[in-house]
Amino acid sequence: MLLRLIRKKREMFTGYMFILPWLIGFLLFMAYPIYFSLNMSFHKVWITSDGIKKEFVGWDNFRNAFLSDPKYMEEIVTFGKTVVFMIPIVVVFAMLVALLINQPIRLKGLFRGIFFLPVVITSGEVVKELFSQGAASIPIVERYGIISFIEENLSSAWSEPVIAIIQQLIVILWYSGVQILIFLAGLQKVNSQIYEAASIDGASPWEIFWKITLPSLKPFILVNIVYTTVDLFTNALNDVIALIKEHMFKVNTGFGYATGLAWIYFLLIFVILLVVFAIFGRNEDYNPRKAGR
C-alpha cells in the first residue's frame, strides 16, 4: 500500500514537471493579455496618440452583439451550420486516407508527406491568393448545375452552408494532413496479431474494421474532432473573425466592442467543445478480445 502511494506521488510529480514549462509560459505571456482582453470587452476603447483610453460600459458590448448587430449573429449561425457539415467530411476523409496509407505499400513516407505538405504551405495569405485565382474551385460543380440544384431543393438557411462547403471542398481536404497523421499513429498502435487472430477465426475485413479498427481509433477520433473544430473556427477563411477585425477599426464600435464579439465567439467554441467531449469523450476501455468476438 505504501509503495503504491509513493509510486502514485512520483507519477503526479513527473506529470507536473512535464506541464511546468507550459504553466510558466502561460503565466508570463498569456495570462495578462487574456485579462486585458476581458477587461477591454467591458469598455469603450479609443486608441489615441496619448495611449489607450477606456470608458466603462458594463455589459453593453455583449448586449449590443445580440440585440443590435444582426450581421454578427447571422455570420455565426451560417458558419456554425457550415462547420456541422465540414467536421465529419474532414474526419472521415482523414480516416479513409490513413487506412489506405497504413496498408503494406511502398513509399508510404512519400504519401504521408504529400498529404501533409498543404498544411505547411497553405498559410492565410497563400489560401486567399489561391481563392482569388480560382484554384480552390471545382469546375464540374458549376458545369453540371449542382449549385442551382441545391438552391432549388433546399431552403436558403441550409443551401448556403452546403454550397459554401462544396465551393471550399478542395481547401477543406487540404487541411486534413494533421488528422491523417493522428489516425496513422492510432492505427500503428493496434497489434497486428489481433488482425491475424481475427482473420484466422474467419472475420471478414468489414467485420475487422467495425469490431477492431474503429473501436481502437475512438480516442483519436475525439482528438481529430477537437482539432478540426478549433482549426475551422480559427482559420484565415473564417468570416466571423473577418467581421470582428472589421469592427476593431470602426469609429462607432472600436476595440472594446470587437473584443466583446471575440469573447462571445470564444465561449461559443468552448460550449461546442464541451458538447463534443460529452458525446465522444466517454472513457471506455478498449478490449481487443471483446472486439474480436
Protein backbone atom coordinates (compact mmCIF):
# COMPACT_ATOMS: atom_id res chain seq x y z
CA MET A 1 0.00 0.00 0.00
CA LEU A 2 2.81 2.38 0.92
CA LEU A 3 4.75 1.55 -2.24
CA ARG A 4 1.65 2.19 -4.33
CA LEU A 5 1.16 5.58 -2.67
CA ILE A 6 4.80 6.52 -3.25
CA ARG A 7 4.57 5.46 -6.91
CA LYS A 8 1.40 7.49 -7.37
CA LYS A 9 3.01 10.63 -5.87
CA ARG A 10 6.07 10.11 -8.05
CA GLU A 11 3.89 9.88 -11.17
CA MET A 12 2.00 13.03 -10.14
CA PHE A 13 5.29 14.87 -9.62
CA THR A 14 6.52 13.72 -13.05
CA GLY A 15 3.31 14.90 -14.65
CA TYR A 16 3.52 18.32 -13.01
CA MET A 17 7.13 18.67 -14.13
CA PHE A 18 6.10 17.98 -17.72
CA ILE A 19 3.41 20.69 -17.68
CA LEU A 20 5.53 23.17 -15.67
CA PRO A 21 7.12 24.81 -18.78
CA TRP A 22 3.67 25.38 -20.25
CA LEU A 23 2.39 26.86 -16.97
CA ILE A 24 5.35 29.22 -16.77
CA GLY A 25 4.88 30.28 -20.40
CA PHE A 26 1.15 30.79 -19.82
CA LEU A 27 1.70 32.98 -16.76
CA LEU A 28 4.44 35.02 -18.44
CA PHE A 29 2.97 35.55 -21.90
CA MET A 30 -0.78 34.75 -21.89
CA ALA A 31 -2.37 35.40 -18.50
CA TYR A 32 -2.15 39.21 -18.61
CA PRO A 33 -3.21 39.57 -22.30
CA ILE A 34 -6.27 37.41 -21.57
CA TYR A 35 -7.15 39.54 -18.54
CA PHE A 36 -6.57 42.77 -20.51
CA SER A 37 -8.76 41.50 -23.37
CA LEU A 38 -11.57 40.57 -20.97
CA ASN A 39 -11.27 43.97 -19.30
CA MET A 40 -11.50 45.76 -22.67
CA SER A 41 -14.70 43.91 -23.53
CA PHE A 42 -16.46 45.86 -20.75
CA HIS A 43 -15.20 49.24 -22.00
CA LYS A 44 -15.45 51.54 -24.96
CA VAL A 45 -11.86 51.88 -26.16
CA TRP A 46 -10.12 54.62 -28.13
CA ILE A 47 -6.59 54.41 -29.48
CA THR A 48 -5.11 57.90 -29.31
CA SER A 49 -1.68 59.45 -29.63
CA ASP A 50 -1.57 59.60 -25.83
CA GLY A 51 -2.25 55.87 -25.50
CA ILE A 52 -5.32 53.72 -24.84
CA LYS A 53 -8.35 55.47 -23.32
CA LYS A 54 -11.27 53.48 -21.91
CA GLU A 55 -14.79 54.23 -20.75
CA PHE A 56 -16.61 51.60 -18.72
CA VAL A 57 -19.86 50.48 -20.39
CA GLY A 58 -20.58 47.28 -18.48
CA TRP A 59 -22.40 44.61 -20.48
CA ASP A 60 -23.37 46.96 -23.30
CA ASN A 61 -20.91 45.44 -25.78
CA PHE A 62 -22.31 41.96 -25.23
CA ARG A 63 -25.89 43.21 -25.21
CA ASN A 64 -25.40 45.09 -28.48
CA ALA A 65 -23.87 41.99 -30.10
CA PHE A 66 -27.08 40.04 -29.53
CA LEU A 67 -29.65 42.84 -29.91
CA SER A 68 -28.18 45.46 -32.24
CA ASP A 69 -25.83 43.58 -34.56
CA PRO A 70 -27.84 41.12 -36.70
CA LYS A 71 -24.94 40.64 -39.12
CA TYR A 72 -22.72 39.19 -36.39
CA MET A 73 -25.32 36.67 -35.25
CA GLU A 74 -26.14 35.81 -38.85
CA GLU A 75 -22.47 35.11 -39.62
CA ILE A 76 -22.15 32.92 -36.51
CA VAL A 77 -25.26 30.88 -37.37
CA THR A 78 -24.20 30.44 -41.00
CA PHE A 79 -20.67 29.45 -40.08
CA GLY A 80 -21.96 27.09 -37.38
CA LYS A 81 -24.12 25.26 -39.93
CA THR A 82 -21.13 25.04 -42.27
CA VAL A 83 -18.93 23.56 -39.55
CA VAL A 84 -21.57 20.91 -38.77
CA PHE A 85 -21.04 19.57 -42.31
CA MET A 86 -17.31 20.24 -42.59
CA ILE A 87 -16.12 18.39 -39.48
CA PRO A 88 -17.48 14.94 -40.50
CA ILE A 89 -16.13 15.41 -44.04
CA VAL A 90 -12.60 16.18 -42.82
CA VAL A 91 -12.54 13.44 -40.15
CA VAL A 92 -13.97 10.72 -42.42
CA PHE A 93 -11.68 11.69 -45.31
CA ALA A 94 -8.65 11.65 -42.99
CA MET A 95 -9.62 8.23 -41.65
CA LEU A 96 -10.03 6.75 -45.14
CA VAL A 97 -6.68 8.12 -46.32
CA ALA A 98 -4.97 6.87 -43.15
CA LEU A 99 -6.43 3.39 -43.67
CA LEU A 100 -5.13 3.36 -47.25
CA ILE A 101 -1.65 4.65 -46.38
CA ASN A 102 -1.38 2.19 -43.49
CA GLN A 103 -1.54 -0.72 -45.92
CA PRO A 104 1.73 -2.55 -46.76
CA ILE A 105 2.63 -0.44 -49.78
CA ARG A 106 5.86 1.11 -51.00
CA LEU A 107 6.73 4.77 -50.47
CA LYS A 108 4.36 5.22 -47.53
CA GLY A 109 6.53 8.04 -46.19
CA LEU A 110 6.23 9.87 -49.51
CA PHE A 111 2.44 9.68 -49.44
CA ARG A 112 2.37 10.97 -45.87
CA GLY A 113 4.49 13.91 -46.94
CA ILE A 114 2.23 14.62 -49.93
CA PHE A 115 -0.89 14.76 -47.77
CA PHE A 116 0.81 16.82 -45.06
CA LEU A 117 2.55 19.28 -47.40
CA PRO A 118 -0.54 21.52 -47.95
CA VAL A 119 -0.77 22.05 -44.19
CA VAL A 120 2.75 23.54 -44.27
CA ILE A 121 2.38 25.81 -47.31
CA THR A 122 -1.25 26.95 -47.02
CA SER A 123 -0.87 29.94 -44.72
CA GLY A 124 -3.59 32.57 -44.56
CA GLU A 125 -2.26 34.72 -47.40
CA VAL A 126 -1.50 31.71 -49.62
CA VAL A 127 -5.05 30.41 -49.25
CA LYS A 128 -6.52 33.83 -50.04
CA GLU A 129 -4.37 34.11 -53.17
CA LEU A 130 -5.41 30.62 -54.30
CA PHE A 131 -9.05 31.55 -53.77
CA SER A 132 -8.68 34.74 -55.80
CA GLN A 133 -7.17 32.75 -58.67
CA GLY A 134 -9.92 30.12 -58.56
CA ALA A 135 -7.55 27.26 -57.66
CA ALA A 136 -9.85 26.02 -54.91
CA SER A 137 -12.98 25.78 -57.06
CA ILE A 138 -14.34 22.63 -58.72
CA PRO A 139 -15.37 23.43 -62.34
CA ILE A 140 -17.58 20.35 -62.66
CA VAL A 141 -19.87 21.68 -59.91
CA GLU A 142 -20.93 24.72 -61.97
CA ARG A 143 -20.75 22.92 -65.31
CA TYR A 144 -23.41 20.37 -64.35
CA GLY A 145 -25.63 22.75 -62.38
CA ILE A 146 -25.07 21.21 -58.96
CA ILE A 147 -25.20 24.62 -57.25
CA SER A 148 -28.51 25.53 -58.86
CA PHE A 149 -29.92 22.09 -57.99
CA ILE A 150 -29.07 22.61 -54.31
CA GLU A 151 -30.57 26.11 -54.33
CA GLU A 152 -33.81 24.81 -55.83
CA ASN A 153 -34.23 21.83 -53.49
CA LEU A 154 -33.01 23.22 -50.16
CA SER A 155 -34.11 26.22 -48.16
CA SER A 156 -31.79 29.20 -48.12
CA ALA A 157 -30.93 28.50 -44.47
CA TRP A 158 -29.28 25.19 -45.44
CA SER A 159 -28.37 25.71 -49.08
CA GLU A 160 -25.87 28.48 -48.24
CA PRO A 161 -23.68 26.37 -45.90
CA VAL A 162 -23.85 23.35 -48.22
CA ILE A 163 -22.80 25.47 -51.21
CA ALA A 164 -20.01 27.05 -49.15
CA ILE A 165 -18.68 23.57 -48.33
CA ILE A 166 -18.79 22.47 -51.98
CA GLN A 167 -17.01 25.61 -53.10
CA GLN A 168 -14.31 25.13 -50.43
CA LEU A 169 -14.09 21.33 -50.67
CA ILE A 170 -10.52 21.28 -52.00
CA VAL A 171 -9.31 23.60 -49.25
CA ILE A 172 -11.14 21.50 -46.64
CA LEU A 173 -9.28 18.41 -47.82
CA TRP A 174 -6.01 20.37 -47.80
CA TYR A 175 -6.44 20.93 -44.06
CA SER A 176 -6.74 17.20 -43.28
CA GLY A 177 -2.98 16.46 -43.15
CA VAL A 178 -2.66 16.64 -39.37
CA GLN A 179 -5.74 14.47 -38.89
CA ILE A 180 -4.30 11.84 -41.25
CA LEU A 181 -1.09 11.64 -39.21
CA ILE A 182 -3.07 11.31 -35.97
CA PHE A 183 -5.12 8.44 -37.38
CA LEU A 184 -1.94 6.77 -38.68
CA ALA A 185 -0.49 6.93 -35.18
CA GLY A 186 -3.64 5.28 -33.85
CA LEU A 187 -3.61 2.54 -36.48
CA GLN A 188 0.01 1.70 -35.76
CA LYS A 189 -0.78 1.22 -32.07
CA VAL A 190 -3.05 -1.76 -32.84
CA ASN A 191 -1.18 -5.05 -32.51
CA SER A 192 -1.02 -6.82 -35.89
CA GLN A 193 -1.51 -10.16 -34.10
CA ILE A 194 -5.07 -9.13 -33.29
CA TYR A 195 -5.81 -8.78 -37.00
CA GLU A 196 -4.16 -12.13 -37.71
CA ALA A 197 -6.20 -13.86 -35.00
CA ALA A 198 -9.42 -12.32 -36.31
CA SER A 199 -8.62 -13.43 -39.86
CA ILE A 200 -7.90 -16.99 -38.66
CA ASP A 201 -11.26 -17.00 -36.86
CA GLY A 202 -12.93 -16.18 -40.17
CA ALA A 203 -13.66 -12.46 -39.67
CA SER A 204 -14.15 -10.50 -42.89
CA PRO A 205 -12.30 -7.18 -43.50
CA TRP A 206 -15.60 -5.37 -42.91
CA GLU A 207 -16.06 -7.06 -39.51
CA ILE A 208 -12.43 -6.41 -38.59
CA PHE A 209 -12.89 -2.71 -39.32
CA TRP A 210 -16.05 -2.30 -37.24
CA LYS A 211 -15.03 -4.54 -34.31
CA ILE A 212 -11.28 -3.91 -34.05
CA THR A 213 -10.07 -0.91 -36.07
CA LEU A 214 -12.85 1.57 -35.35
CA PRO A 215 -13.04 0.93 -31.57
CA SER A 216 -9.26 1.31 -31.33
CA LEU A 217 -9.48 4.65 -33.16
CA LYS A 218 -12.18 6.12 -30.91
CA PRO A 219 -9.77 8.25 -28.77
CA PHE A 220 -8.11 9.52 -31.95
CA ILE A 221 -11.48 10.38 -33.47
CA LEU A 222 -12.15 12.59 -30.44
CA VAL A 223 -8.73 14.27 -30.80
CA ASN A 224 -9.35 14.89 -34.51
CA ILE A 225 -12.83 16.30 -33.94
CA VAL A 226 -11.47 18.71 -31.33
CA TYR A 227 -8.53 19.70 -33.52
CA THR A 228 -10.71 20.15 -36.61
CA THR A 229 -13.25 22.22 -34.67
CA VAL A 230 -10.60 24.59 -33.34
CA ASP A 231 -8.85 24.73 -36.73
CA LEU A 232 -12.04 25.62 -38.63
CA PHE A 233 -13.09 28.24 -36.08
CA THR A 234 -9.71 29.98 -36.21
CA ASN A 235 -8.53 29.67 -39.83
CA ALA A 236 -7.99 32.56 -42.24
CA LEU A 237 -11.17 31.84 -44.25
CA ASN A 238 -13.43 32.49 -41.27
CA ASP A 239 -15.99 35.24 -42.00
CA VAL A 240 -16.75 35.73 -38.28
CA ILE A 241 -13.13 36.59 -37.49
CA ALA A 242 -13.04 38.92 -40.51
CA LEU A 243 -16.14 40.69 -39.15
CA ILE A 244 -14.54 41.05 -35.70
CA LYS A 245 -11.44 42.59 -37.28
CA GLU A 246 -13.66 44.96 -39.24
CA HIS A 247 -15.29 46.23 -36.05
CA MET A 248 -11.87 46.89 -34.48
CA PHE A 249 -11.27 49.88 -36.77
CA LYS A 250 -14.76 51.33 -36.89
CA VAL A 251 -15.26 54.62 -35.06
CA ASN A 252 -18.64 53.73 -33.56
CA THR A 253 -17.52 50.29 -32.28
CA GLY A 254 -13.75 50.04 -31.87
CA PHE A 255 -11.56 47.64 -29.93
CA GLY A 256 -13.90 47.30 -26.96
CA TYR A 257 -16.86 46.07 -28.97
CA ALA A 258 -14.64 43.86 -31.16
CA THR A 259 -13.17 42.28 -28.03
CA GLY A 260 -16.67 41.60 -26.72
CA LEU A 261 -17.52 39.86 -30.01
CA ALA A 262 -14.32 37.81 -29.74
CA TRP A 263 -15.21 36.65 -26.22
CA ILE A 264 -18.70 35.62 -27.33
CA TYR A 265 -17.07 33.69 -30.15
CA PHE A 266 -14.63 32.05 -27.74
CA LEU A 267 -17.47 30.99 -25.40
CA LEU A 268 -19.32 29.50 -28.38
CA ILE A 269 -16.26 27.41 -29.29
CA PHE A 270 -15.89 26.38 -25.65
CA VAL A 271 -19.51 25.20 -25.46
CA ILE A 272 -19.16 23.26 -28.72
CA LEU A 273 -16.05 21.52 -27.39
CA LEU A 274 -17.89 20.62 -24.17
CA VAL A 275 -20.67 19.05 -26.26
CA VAL A 276 -18.07 17.13 -28.30
CA PHE A 277 -16.46 15.80 -25.11
CA ALA A 278 -19.86 14.87 -23.69
CA ILE A 279 -20.74 12.87 -26.82
CA PHE A 280 -17.39 11.31 -27.79
CA GLY A 281 -15.32 11.59 -24.65
CA ARG A 282 -16.75 8.73 -22.64
CA ASN A 283 -13.82 6.83 -21.24
CA GLU A 284 -14.43 3.25 -22.30
CA ASP A 285 -11.55 0.81 -22.15
CA TYR A 286 -10.90 -0.98 -25.41
CA ASN A 287 -10.66 -4.76 -25.05
CA PRO A 288 -9.29 -6.44 -28.18
CA ARG A 289 -10.64 -9.84 -27.12
CA LYS A 290 -14.17 -8.49 -26.85
CA ALA A 291 -13.76 -6.53 -30.05
CA GLY A 292 -12.69 -9.60 -31.98
CA ARG A 293 -15.70 -11.69 -30.97
